[in-house]
């Protein structure tokens, strides 16, 4: 995220920090997995979350569909 509007970039960094701290959210699970399990740099993970959020925002705006958080399918057979 080196090019583009500096104000949007700063706002998205703050949103990525917030999303990584939220509970039961795809972005927080992604952050935990990458930083704790795979031992990656936390700041690089925040940039990855920022990019994922921008992609999600683009799809919501371009397709006109509401955002739904990613949930893994239930493997236990419960409905």
Protein backbone atom coordinates (compact mmCIF):
# COMPACT_ATOMS: atom_id res chain seq x y z
CA UNK A 1 0.00 0.00 0.00
CA UNK A 2 2.54 2.56 -1.10
CA UNK A 3 0.49 4.26 -3.81
CA UNK A 4 -2.86 5.98 -3.68
CA UNK A 5 -4.68 8.33 -1.37
CA UNK A 6 -2.73 8.80 1.88
CA UNK A 7 -5.89 9.53 3.87
CA UNK A 8 -7.61 6.33 2.75
CA UNK A 9 -4.44 4.40 3.50
CA UNK A 10 -4.25 5.76 7.05
CA UNK A 11 -7.94 5.04 7.60
CA UNK A 12 -7.58 1.49 6.31
CA UNK A 13 -4.60 0.85 8.60
CA UNK A 14 -6.72 1.89 11.59
CA UNK A 15 -9.59 -0.32 10.36
CA UNK A 16 -7.22 -3.27 9.97
CA UNK A 17 -5.99 -2.82 13.55
CA UNK A 18 -9.58 -2.77 14.77
CA UNK A 19 -10.60 -5.77 12.69
CA UNK A 20 -7.66 -7.79 13.96
CA UNK A 21 -8.76 -7.10 17.56
CA UNK A 22 -12.46 -7.96 16.99
CA UNK A 23 -13.82 -11.25 18.29
CA UNK A 24 -15.27 -14.00 16.07
CA UNK A 25 -14.29 -12.20 12.89
CA UNK A 26 -12.48 -13.61 9.84
CA UNK A 27 -9.85 -10.89 10.00
CA UNK A 28 -9.03 -11.53 13.66
CA UNK A 29 -8.74 -15.27 13.05
CA UNK A 30 -6.50 -14.60 10.06
CA UNK A 31 -4.33 -12.26 12.14
CA UNK A 32 -4.01 -14.78 14.98
CA UNK A 33 -3.16 -17.63 12.62
CA UNK A 34 -0.52 -15.67 10.75
CA UNK A 35 1.18 -14.04 13.74
CA UNK A 36 1.04 -16.78 16.38
CA UNK A 37 0.92 -20.03 14.43
CA UNK A 38 3.01 -19.09 11.41
CA UNK A 39 5.17 -16.50 13.27
CA UNK A 40 4.95 -13.71 10.70
CA UNK A 41 5.55 -10.01 11.23
CA UNK A 42 2.47 -8.35 12.78
CA UNK A 43 2.73 -5.18 10.70
CA UNK A 44 2.89 -7.13 7.44
CA UNK A 45 -0.19 -9.06 8.54
CA UNK A 46 -2.03 -5.78 9.18
CA UNK A 47 -1.22 -4.75 5.61
CA UNK A 48 -2.58 -8.09 4.36
CA UNK A 49 -5.77 -7.54 6.36
CA UNK A 50 -6.01 -4.04 4.92
CA UNK A 51 -5.82 -5.43 1.40
CA UNK A 52 -8.40 -8.13 2.15
CA UNK A 53 -10.74 -5.50 3.54
CA UNK A 54 -10.33 -3.34 0.44
CA UNK A 55 -11.15 -6.33 -1.76
CA UNK A 56 -14.25 -7.07 0.32
CA UNK A 57 -15.33 -3.40 0.11
CA UNK A 58 -14.84 -3.40 -3.66
CA UNK A 59 -17.01 -6.52 -4.05
CA UNK A 60 -19.75 -5.09 -1.83
CA UNK A 61 -19.82 -1.82 -3.77
CA UNK A 62 -19.51 -3.29 -7.26
CA UNK A 63 -22.00 -6.14 -6.82
CA UNK A 64 -24.42 -4.40 -4.48
CA UNK A 65 -24.55 -7.38 -2.11
CA UNK A 66 -24.29 -7.13 1.69
CA UNK A 67 -21.09 -8.25 3.38
CA UNK A 68 -21.17 -11.66 5.03
CA UNK A 69 -18.32 -12.77 7.25
CA UNK A 70 -16.59 -15.98 6.17
CA UNK A 71 -17.54 -18.98 8.28
CA UNK A 72 -16.00 -22.41 7.86
CA UNK A 73 -18.52 -25.13 6.97
CA UNK A 74 -19.66 -27.26 9.91
CA UNK A 75 -17.81 -30.57 9.64
CA UNK A 76 -19.68 -32.25 12.49
CA UNK A 77 -22.85 -32.70 10.47
CA UNK A 78 -24.93 -30.27 12.55
CA UNK A 79 -27.29 -28.02 10.64
